[in-house]
Structure formats: structure tokens, C-alpha cells
Amino acid sequence: MLQSQFAQAPRLALADTIIDAKARKNLSWQDLTDGTGLSLAFVTAALLGQHPLPAEAAEVVCAKLDLDQDASRLLQSVPLRGSIQGGIPTDPTVYRFYEMLQVYGSTLKALVHEQFGDGIISAINFKLDIKKVEDPDGGSRAVITLDGKYLPTKPF
């Protein structure tokens, strides 16, 4: 039976354990994802406490990290989501995404409503991908794809 978490502390503690084991074993997020049948972004988010993993995927990851059945069960539970505690993020990488939404949030809202109508883009029926590409001017660029289902507002 699917269980639900009502506090972030257990999943955050497990995320710390996972990050420590990942570093000790010199594994990448892709290494941990391989064999789960799930996307890199989804598994990474789950291991950082934002999604439940299916039982089979949790077992694959726990075997790679030498984690016990309690960890596997916790990875399968529905977490209390939200990783930005205290409002405005302070981590520079996370803050840049916050900044992007501060600058482009109203533009995204206007374009979504113009093209789709009144509604939202789902973060539940959602896919995330990130790719590193070469910048023609030198260096690298990040191509981030946010692919969410449009859900119209329904009058009642």
C-alpha cells in the first residue's frame, strides 16, 4: 500500500545518506538511474526527496548504494514536496532559476494563457530534461526542457 509522509525530515535525512553513499561509491546520478526504467531527472528528484519511486526502482537504487529495506520503503513513500525552505533560495544555482522565473514568469504566464487559455502547466504530469550543448561562441550552454500537460481552469 502506498504510504505518505507528513514531515520532510525523514526524506531529507535519507537524501543526505544517499548523497554520502553516492560520493563514497563515486557514482553519478545516471549510474543510480540506470536499470530503473525511469528518467534521470525523475530519479534524481526522487532521491533528493521530491517523488516516490516504484518498488522495483527503489530496490535497484538501494542495491547500488547498499541501503536497507527501511530506506527502500521510505523511497517508495509519497514525500512532503518542496525543496526551497525559507522562501527565496540562497544557493547560486537554484537562485538563478528563481531569478529566471522572476524575469520571465509573467511572460510565460501571458504566453501560456494566450496559446492555451486560462489554466496551468502541470508539475505532476510533467517531464524535465537537461542537456549540455556547445556554445558557438565558446564554452557550454544548458538546454532545459520543461514538458508539462496543460490543465484548463474549469468553471463550476
N, C-alpha and C. Protein backbone atom coordinates (compact mmCIF):
# COMPACT_ATOMS: atom_id res chain seq x y z
N MET A 1 0.85 -1.17 0.00
CA MET A 1 0.00 0.00 0.00
C MET A 1 0.90 1.24 0.00
N LEU A 2 0.53 2.21 -0.80
CA LEU A 2 1.28 3.46 -0.88
C LEU A 2 1.14 4.25 0.42
N GLN A 3 2.27 4.63 0.98
CA GLN A 3 2.29 5.41 2.22
C GLN A 3 2.64 6.86 1.90
N SER A 4 2.27 7.76 2.80
CA SER A 4 2.50 9.19 2.60
C SER A 4 3.27 9.77 3.77
N GLN A 5 4.19 10.67 3.48
CA GLN A 5 4.98 11.35 4.50
C GLN A 5 4.28 12.66 4.88
N PHE A 6 4.37 13.03 6.16
CA PHE A 6 3.79 14.29 6.60
C PHE A 6 4.82 15.21 7.24
N ALA A 7 6.09 14.83 7.10
CA ALA A 7 7.21 15.66 7.55
C ALA A 7 8.34 15.47 6.56
N GLN A 8 9.10 16.52 6.31
CA GLN A 8 10.21 16.43 5.37
C GLN A 8 11.45 15.79 5.97
N ALA A 9 11.60 15.83 7.27
CA ALA A 9 12.84 15.40 7.92
C ALA A 9 13.30 13.99 7.53
N PRO A 10 12.42 12.97 7.53
CA PRO A 10 12.90 11.62 7.18
C PRO A 10 13.47 11.54 5.76
N ARG A 11 12.78 12.16 4.80
CA ARG A 11 13.27 12.10 3.41
C ARG A 11 14.52 12.94 3.23
N LEU A 12 14.62 14.07 3.93
CA LEU A 12 15.83 14.89 3.84
C LEU A 12 17.02 14.15 4.44
N ALA A 13 16.80 13.44 5.54
CA ALA A 13 17.88 12.64 6.14
C ALA A 13 18.30 11.53 5.19
N LEU A 14 17.33 10.89 4.54
CA LEU A 14 17.65 9.85 3.57
C LEU A 14 18.40 10.43 2.37
N ALA A 15 18.00 11.62 1.93
CA ALA A 15 18.71 12.28 0.82
C ALA A 15 20.17 12.51 1.20
N ASP A 16 20.42 12.93 2.43
CA ASP A 16 21.80 13.12 2.89
C ASP A 16 22.57 11.79 2.85
N THR A 17 21.92 10.72 3.29
CA THR A 17 22.54 9.39 3.27
C THR A 17 22.85 8.97 1.84
N ILE A 18 21.91 9.22 0.94
CA ILE A 18 22.09 8.86 -0.47
C ILE A 18 23.25 9.64 -1.07
N ILE A 19 23.30 10.93 -0.81
CA ILE A 19 24.39 11.76 -1.36
C ILE A 19 25.74 11.29 -0.83
N ASP A 20 25.78 10.94 0.45
CA ASP A 20 27.03 10.45 1.04
C ASP A 20 27.44 9.13 0.39
N ALA A 21 26.51 8.19 0.26
CA ALA A 21 26.82 6.88 -0.35
C ALA A 21 27.21 7.05 -1.82
N LYS A 22 26.52 7.92 -2.52
CA LYS A 22 26.83 8.21 -3.93
C LYS A 22 28.27 8.70 -4.06
N ALA A 23 28.68 9.59 -3.19
CA ALA A 23 30.05 10.13 -3.22
C ALA A 23 31.07 9.07 -2.84
N ARG A 24 30.79 8.30 -1.79
CA ARG A 24 31.72 7.25 -1.36
C ARG A 24 31.95 6.21 -2.45
N LYS A 25 30.88 5.90 -3.20
CA LYS A 25 30.97 4.89 -4.25
C LYS A 25 31.34 5.49 -5.61
N ASN A 26 31.51 6.82 -5.64
CA ASN A 26 31.87 7.53 -6.87
C ASN A 26 30.88 7.23 -8.00
N LEU A 27 29.59 7.32 -7.69
CA LEU A 27 28.54 7.08 -8.66
C LEU A 27 27.94 8.39 -9.13
N SER A 28 27.45 8.40 -10.35
CA SER A 28 26.74 9.57 -10.88
C SER A 28 25.24 9.35 -10.70
N TRP A 29 24.47 10.42 -10.89
CA TRP A 29 23.00 10.27 -10.86
C TRP A 29 22.57 9.32 -11.96
N GLN A 30 23.25 9.37 -13.11
CA GLN A 30 22.92 8.45 -14.21
C GLN A 30 23.20 7.01 -13.80
N ASP A 31 24.32 6.78 -13.11
CA ASP A 31 24.62 5.42 -12.62
C ASP A 31 23.47 4.91 -11.74
N LEU A 32 22.95 5.77 -10.89
CA LEU A 32 21.86 5.37 -10.00
C LEU A 32 20.56 5.17 -10.76
N THR A 33 20.37 5.91 -11.83
CA THR A 33 19.15 5.81 -12.64
C THR A 33 19.14 4.55 -13.50
N ASP A 34 20.31 4.16 -14.00
CA ASP A 34 20.40 3.00 -14.89
C ASP A 34 19.77 1.77 -14.25
N GLY A 35 18.90 1.11 -15.01
CA GLY A 35 18.23 -0.09 -14.52
C GLY A 35 16.89 0.16 -13.86
N THR A 36 16.53 1.44 -13.66
CA THR A 36 15.24 1.73 -13.03
C THR A 36 14.10 1.82 -14.04
N GLY A 37 14.45 2.09 -15.31
CA GLY A 37 13.42 2.29 -16.32
C GLY A 37 12.79 3.68 -16.26
N LEU A 38 13.36 4.56 -15.46
CA LEU A 38 12.83 5.91 -15.29
C LEU A 38 13.83 6.93 -15.81
N SER A 39 13.39 8.18 -15.92
CA SER A 39 14.26 9.24 -16.43
C SER A 39 15.26 9.69 -15.37
N LEU A 40 16.36 10.23 -15.84
CA LEU A 40 17.40 10.77 -14.97
C LEU A 40 16.83 11.85 -14.04
N ALA A 41 16.06 12.77 -14.60
CA ALA A 41 15.51 13.87 -13.80
C ALA A 41 14.57 13.35 -12.72
N PHE A 42 13.70 12.38 -13.06
CA PHE A 42 12.74 11.86 -12.09
C PHE A 42 13.45 11.13 -10.95
N VAL A 43 14.39 10.26 -11.28
CA VAL A 43 15.10 9.50 -10.24
C VAL A 43 15.90 10.44 -9.35
N THR A 44 16.58 11.41 -9.96
CA THR A 44 17.36 12.36 -9.16
C THR A 44 16.44 13.11 -8.20
N ALA A 45 15.31 13.60 -8.71
CA ALA A 45 14.35 14.30 -7.85
C ALA A 45 13.84 13.39 -6.74
N ALA A 46 13.57 12.14 -7.06
CA ALA A 46 13.10 11.19 -6.04
C ALA A 46 14.16 10.97 -4.97
N LEU A 47 15.41 10.81 -5.39
CA LEU A 47 16.47 10.56 -4.43
C LEU A 47 16.76 11.79 -3.57
N LEU A 48 16.40 12.96 -4.07
CA LEU A 48 16.55 14.19 -3.30
C LEU A 48 15.28 14.51 -2.50
N GLY A 49 14.32 13.58 -2.50
CA GLY A 49 13.15 13.69 -1.63
C GLY A 49 11.91 14.31 -2.23
N GLN A 50 11.81 14.37 -3.57
CA GLN A 50 10.68 15.06 -4.18
C GLN A 50 9.64 14.16 -4.83
N HIS A 51 9.93 12.88 -5.02
CA HIS A 51 8.98 11.93 -5.63
C HIS A 51 9.13 10.57 -4.96
N PRO A 52 8.06 9.76 -4.99
CA PRO A 52 8.22 8.37 -4.60
C PRO A 52 8.77 7.57 -5.78
N LEU A 53 9.53 6.54 -5.50
CA LEU A 53 9.98 5.63 -6.55
C LEU A 53 9.12 4.37 -6.53
N PRO A 54 8.85 3.79 -7.69
CA PRO A 54 8.22 2.47 -7.70
C PRO A 54 9.12 1.47 -6.96
N ALA A 55 8.54 0.41 -6.43
CA ALA A 55 9.28 -0.56 -5.62
C ALA A 55 10.51 -1.09 -6.34
N GLU A 56 10.34 -1.47 -7.61
CA GLU A 56 11.47 -2.05 -8.35
C GLU A 56 12.61 -1.05 -8.49
N ALA A 57 12.29 0.20 -8.78
CA ALA A 57 13.32 1.24 -8.93
C ALA A 57 14.01 1.50 -7.59
N ALA A 58 13.23 1.53 -6.51
CA ALA A 58 13.82 1.75 -5.18
C ALA A 58 14.79 0.63 -4.84
N GLU A 59 14.44 -0.60 -5.18
CA GLU A 59 15.32 -1.74 -4.90
C GLU A 59 16.61 -1.65 -5.71
N VAL A 60 16.52 -1.23 -6.98
CA VAL A 60 17.71 -1.08 -7.82
C VAL A 60 18.66 -0.07 -7.21
N VAL A 61 18.12 1.09 -6.84
CA VAL A 61 18.94 2.15 -6.27
C VAL A 61 19.54 1.72 -4.93
N CYS A 62 18.73 1.13 -4.07
CA CYS A 62 19.22 0.72 -2.75
C CYS A 62 20.32 -0.33 -2.87
N ALA A 63 20.21 -1.23 -3.84
CA ALA A 63 21.26 -2.23 -4.04
C ALA A 63 22.57 -1.56 -4.43
N LYS A 64 22.50 -0.56 -5.29
CA LYS A 64 23.71 0.14 -5.74
C LYS A 64 24.37 0.92 -4.60
N LEU A 65 23.55 1.40 -3.66
CA LEU A 65 24.06 2.23 -2.57
C LEU A 65 24.22 1.47 -1.25
N ASP A 66 23.90 0.17 -1.27
CA ASP A 66 23.94 -0.65 -0.05
C ASP A 66 23.04 -0.08 1.04
N LEU A 67 21.83 0.32 0.65
CA LEU A 67 20.85 0.83 1.61
C LEU A 67 19.88 -0.29 1.99
N ASP A 68 19.32 -0.22 3.19
CA ASP A 68 18.47 -1.29 3.70
C ASP A 68 17.01 -1.16 3.24
N GLN A 69 16.19 -2.12 3.70
CA GLN A 69 14.77 -2.15 3.33
C GLN A 69 14.01 -0.94 3.86
N ASP A 70 14.43 -0.40 5.01
CA ASP A 70 13.77 0.80 5.53
C ASP A 70 13.97 1.96 4.56
N ALA A 71 15.17 2.09 4.01
CA ALA A 71 15.43 3.14 3.03
C ALA A 71 14.59 2.91 1.77
N SER A 72 14.49 1.67 1.34
CA SER A 72 13.69 1.35 0.16
C SER A 72 12.22 1.72 0.39
N ARG A 73 11.69 1.37 1.55
CA ARG A 73 10.29 1.71 1.86
C ARG A 73 10.09 3.22 1.89
N LEU A 74 11.04 3.94 2.47
CA LEU A 74 10.94 5.39 2.54
C LEU A 74 11.00 6.01 1.14
N LEU A 75 11.85 5.46 0.27
CA LEU A 75 11.92 5.97 -1.11
C LEU A 75 10.61 5.74 -1.86
N GLN A 76 9.83 4.77 -1.43
CA GLN A 76 8.56 4.47 -2.09
C GLN A 76 7.39 5.29 -1.55
N SER A 77 7.59 6.01 -0.45
CA SER A 77 6.51 6.79 0.14
C SER A 77 6.37 8.14 -0.55
N VAL A 78 5.16 8.67 -0.53
CA VAL A 78 4.90 9.98 -1.13
C VAL A 78 5.45 11.05 -0.18
N PRO A 79 6.41 11.85 -0.66
CA PRO A 79 7.04 12.83 0.23
C PRO A 79 6.22 14.10 0.39
N LEU A 80 6.55 14.86 1.41
CA LEU A 80 6.06 16.22 1.53
C LEU A 80 6.98 17.04 0.64
N ARG A 81 6.47 17.47 -0.50
CA ARG A 81 7.32 18.07 -1.53
C ARG A 81 7.64 19.53 -1.24
N GLY A 82 8.66 20.00 -1.93
CA GLY A 82 9.10 21.38 -1.83
C GLY A 82 10.49 21.43 -1.23
N SER A 83 11.46 21.81 -2.03
CA SER A 83 12.84 21.75 -1.55
C SER A 83 13.42 23.12 -1.23
N ILE A 84 12.67 24.19 -1.46
CA ILE A 84 13.19 25.53 -1.16
C ILE A 84 12.56 25.98 0.15
N GLN A 85 13.30 25.79 1.21
CA GLN A 85 12.80 26.16 2.53
C GLN A 85 13.15 27.61 2.82
N GLY A 86 12.24 28.31 3.44
CA GLY A 86 12.52 29.68 3.85
C GLY A 86 12.32 30.72 2.76
N GLY A 87 11.60 30.38 1.70
CA GLY A 87 11.31 31.39 0.68
C GLY A 87 12.37 31.51 -0.39
N ILE A 88 13.01 32.65 -0.48
CA ILE A 88 13.97 32.93 -1.54
C ILE A 88 15.20 32.05 -1.37
N PRO A 89 15.57 31.29 -2.42
CA PRO A 89 16.72 30.41 -2.30
C PRO A 89 18.03 31.19 -2.19
N THR A 90 19.00 30.59 -1.53
CA THR A 90 20.31 31.22 -1.38
C THR A 90 21.40 30.51 -2.17
N ASP A 91 21.17 29.25 -2.55
CA ASP A 91 22.15 28.55 -3.38
C ASP A 91 22.21 29.24 -4.75
N PRO A 92 23.40 29.59 -5.25
CA PRO A 92 23.50 30.34 -6.50
C PRO A 92 22.84 29.66 -7.70
N THR A 93 22.98 28.35 -7.83
CA THR A 93 22.37 27.66 -8.97
C THR A 93 20.85 27.70 -8.87
N VAL A 94 20.31 27.38 -7.71
CA VAL A 94 18.86 27.40 -7.52
C VAL A 94 18.34 28.83 -7.66
N TYR A 95 19.09 29.79 -7.13
CA TYR A 95 18.66 31.18 -7.22
C TYR A 95 18.53 31.64 -8.67
N ARG A 96 19.40 31.17 -9.57
CA ARG A 96 19.31 31.58 -10.98
C ARG A 96 18.00 31.13 -11.60
N PHE A 97 17.50 29.95 -11.20
CA PHE A 97 16.20 29.51 -11.70
C PHE A 97 15.09 30.39 -11.12
N TYR A 98 15.22 30.73 -9.87
CA TYR A 98 14.27 31.65 -9.23
C TYR A 98 14.30 32.99 -9.97
N GLU A 99 15.50 33.47 -10.26
CA GLU A 99 15.68 34.73 -10.99
C GLU A 99 15.05 34.65 -12.38
N MET A 100 15.25 33.52 -13.07
CA MET A 100 14.64 33.35 -14.40
C MET A 100 13.13 33.48 -14.32
N LEU A 101 12.53 32.88 -13.28
CA LEU A 101 11.08 32.98 -13.13
C LEU A 101 10.65 34.38 -12.71
N GLN A 102 11.48 35.08 -11.95
CA GLN A 102 11.18 36.47 -11.61
C GLN A 102 11.14 37.32 -12.88
N VAL A 103 12.09 37.09 -13.78
CA VAL A 103 12.19 37.88 -15.01
C VAL A 103 11.16 37.42 -16.05
N TYR A 104 11.04 36.10 -16.24
CA TYR A 104 10.22 35.58 -17.33
C TYR A 104 8.89 34.96 -16.89
N GLY A 105 8.61 34.92 -15.59
CA GLY A 105 7.38 34.31 -15.10
C GLY A 105 6.12 34.93 -15.68
N SER A 106 6.04 36.25 -15.69
CA SER A 106 4.84 36.90 -16.23
C SER A 106 4.75 36.69 -17.74
N THR A 107 5.89 36.61 -18.42
CA THR A 107 5.90 36.34 -19.86
C THR A 107 5.39 34.92 -20.12
N LEU A 108 5.88 33.96 -19.37
CA LEU A 108 5.42 32.58 -19.53
C LEU A 108 3.92 32.49 -19.27
N LYS A 109 3.45 33.15 -18.23
CA LYS A 109 2.01 33.15 -17.91
C LYS A 109 1.21 33.74 -19.06
N ALA A 110 1.64 34.88 -19.57
CA ALA A 110 0.92 35.54 -20.67
C ALA A 110 0.88 34.66 -21.91
N LEU A 111 2.01 34.05 -22.25
CA LEU A 111 2.07 33.21 -23.45
C LEU A 111 1.28 31.92 -23.29
N VAL A 112 1.33 31.31 -22.11
CA VAL A 112 0.53 30.10 -21.86
C VAL A 112 -0.95 30.43 -22.00
N HIS A 113 -1.39 31.53 -21.40
CA HIS A 113 -2.81 31.87 -21.46
C HIS A 113 -3.23 32.25 -22.87
N GLU A 114 -2.37 32.95 -23.60
CA GLU A 114 -2.71 33.32 -24.98
C GLU A 114 -2.80 32.09 -25.88
N GLN A 115 -1.88 31.15 -25.70
CA GLN A 115 -1.84 30.00 -26.59
C GLN A 115 -2.77 28.87 -26.17
N PHE A 116 -3.04 28.74 -24.86
CA PHE A 116 -3.82 27.61 -24.36
C PHE A 116 -5.15 28.01 -23.74
N GLY A 117 -5.24 29.22 -23.20
CA GLY A 117 -6.41 29.64 -22.45
C GLY A 117 -6.09 29.70 -20.97
N ASP A 118 -7.11 29.97 -20.16
CA ASP A 118 -6.93 30.08 -18.71
C ASP A 118 -6.67 28.69 -18.14
N GLY A 119 -5.54 28.52 -17.49
CA GLY A 119 -5.19 27.24 -16.90
C GLY A 119 -3.74 27.23 -16.45
N ILE A 120 -3.23 26.04 -16.21
CA ILE A 120 -1.86 25.89 -15.70
C ILE A 120 -1.12 24.81 -16.49
N ILE A 121 0.18 24.79 -16.32
CA ILE A 121 1.01 23.70 -16.83
C ILE A 121 1.31 22.81 -15.63
N SER A 122 0.96 21.55 -15.74
CA SER A 122 1.09 20.61 -14.63
C SER A 122 2.55 20.34 -14.27
N ALA A 123 2.82 20.28 -12.98
CA ALA A 123 4.12 19.82 -12.49
C ALA A 123 4.01 18.36 -12.04
N ILE A 124 2.82 17.77 -12.19
CA ILE A 124 2.61 16.37 -11.86
C ILE A 124 2.70 15.53 -13.13
N ASN A 125 1.94 15.89 -14.16
CA ASN A 125 2.05 15.23 -15.47
C ASN A 125 3.12 16.02 -16.22
N PHE A 126 4.38 15.70 -15.96
CA PHE A 126 5.49 16.59 -16.28
C PHE A 126 6.74 15.79 -16.59
N LYS A 127 7.54 16.32 -17.51
CA LYS A 127 8.85 15.74 -17.81
C LYS A 127 9.87 16.86 -17.79
N LEU A 128 11.06 16.54 -17.32
CA LEU A 128 12.16 17.50 -17.24
C LEU A 128 13.38 16.87 -17.88
N ASP A 129 14.09 17.65 -18.68
CA ASP A 129 15.32 17.15 -19.28
C ASP A 129 16.33 18.28 -19.31
N ILE A 130 17.59 17.94 -19.15
CA ILE A 130 18.67 18.92 -19.26
C ILE A 130 19.77 18.32 -20.11
N LYS A 131 20.25 19.12 -21.04
CA LYS A 131 21.32 18.68 -21.92
C LYS A 131 22.41 19.74 -21.96
N LYS A 132 23.64 19.29 -22.04
CA LYS A 132 24.79 20.17 -22.20
C LYS A 132 25.11 20.22 -23.69
N VAL A 133 25.14 21.43 -24.25
CA VAL A 133 25.47 21.61 -25.67
C VAL A 133 26.60 22.63 -25.79
N GLU A 134 27.30 22.55 -26.89
CA GLU A 134 28.38 23.50 -27.14
C GLU A 134 27.80 24.86 -27.53
N ASP A 135 28.38 25.92 -27.01
CA ASP A 135 28.01 27.28 -27.38
C ASP A 135 28.86 27.68 -28.57
N PRO A 136 28.25 28.11 -29.68
CA PRO A 136 29.03 28.51 -30.86
C PRO A 136 30.05 29.61 -30.55
N ASP A 137 29.79 30.38 -29.50
CA ASP A 137 30.72 31.45 -29.11
C ASP A 137 31.77 30.95 -28.12
N GLY A 138 31.78 29.65 -27.86
CA GLY A 138 32.74 29.07 -26.93
C GLY A 138 32.07 28.69 -25.63
N GLY A 139 32.59 27.67 -24.98
CA GLY A 139 32.02 27.20 -23.71
C GLY A 139 30.84 26.28 -23.92
N SER A 140 30.00 26.21 -22.93
CA SER A 140 28.84 25.31 -22.96
C SER A 140 27.57 26.07 -22.64
N ARG A 141 26.46 25.49 -23.05
CA ARG A 141 25.14 26.02 -22.74
C ARG A 141 24.30 24.89 -22.16
N ALA A 142 23.31 25.26 -21.37
CA ALA A 142 22.37 24.29 -20.82
C ALA A 142 21.04 24.45 -21.55
N VAL A 143 20.53 23.35 -22.10
CA VAL A 143 19.21 23.34 -22.71
C VAL A 143 18.30 22.59 -21.75
N ILE A 144 17.36 23.31 -21.17
CA ILE A 144 16.46 22.76 -20.16
C ILE A 144 15.06 22.71 -20.74
N THR A 145 14.48 21.52 -20.77
CA THR A 145 13.14 21.34 -21.31
C THR A 145 12.18 21.04 -20.17
N LEU A 146 11.16 21.86 -20.05
CA LEU A 146 10.07 21.65 -19.10
C LEU A 146 8.85 21.25 -19.92
N ASP A 147 8.39 20.03 -19.79
CA ASP A 147 7.33 19.49 -20.63
C ASP A 147 6.17 19.08 -19.73
N GLY A 148 5.18 19.98 -19.57
CA GLY A 148 4.06 19.71 -18.69
C GLY A 148 2.74 19.72 -19.42
N LYS A 149 1.81 18.93 -18.96
CA LYS A 149 0.48 18.88 -19.55
C LYS A 149 -0.28 20.15 -19.18
N TYR A 150 -0.98 20.72 -20.16
CA TYR A 150 -1.82 21.88 -19.91
C TYR A 150 -3.13 21.41 -19.26
N LEU A 151 -3.51 22.08 -18.19
CA LEU A 151 -4.76 21.77 -17.49
C LEU A 151 -5.62 23.03 -17.45
N PRO A 152 -6.73 23.04 -18.19
CA PRO A 152 -7.57 24.24 -18.22
C PRO A 152 -8.32 24.44 -16.90
N THR A 153 -8.54 25.70 -16.57
CA THR A 153 -9.38 26.04 -15.43
C THR A 153 -10.82 25.71 -15.81
N LYS A 154 -11.53 25.04 -14.91
CA LYS A 154 -12.91 24.65 -15.20
C LYS A 154 -13.86 25.44 -14.31
N PRO A 155 -14.73 26.22 -14.92
CA PRO A 155 -15.74 26.93 -14.12
C PRO A 155 -16.65 25.93 -13.40
N PHE A 156 -17.13 26.30 -12.23
CA PHE A 156 -18.06 25.42 -11.51
C PHE A 156 -19.16 26.23 -10.89
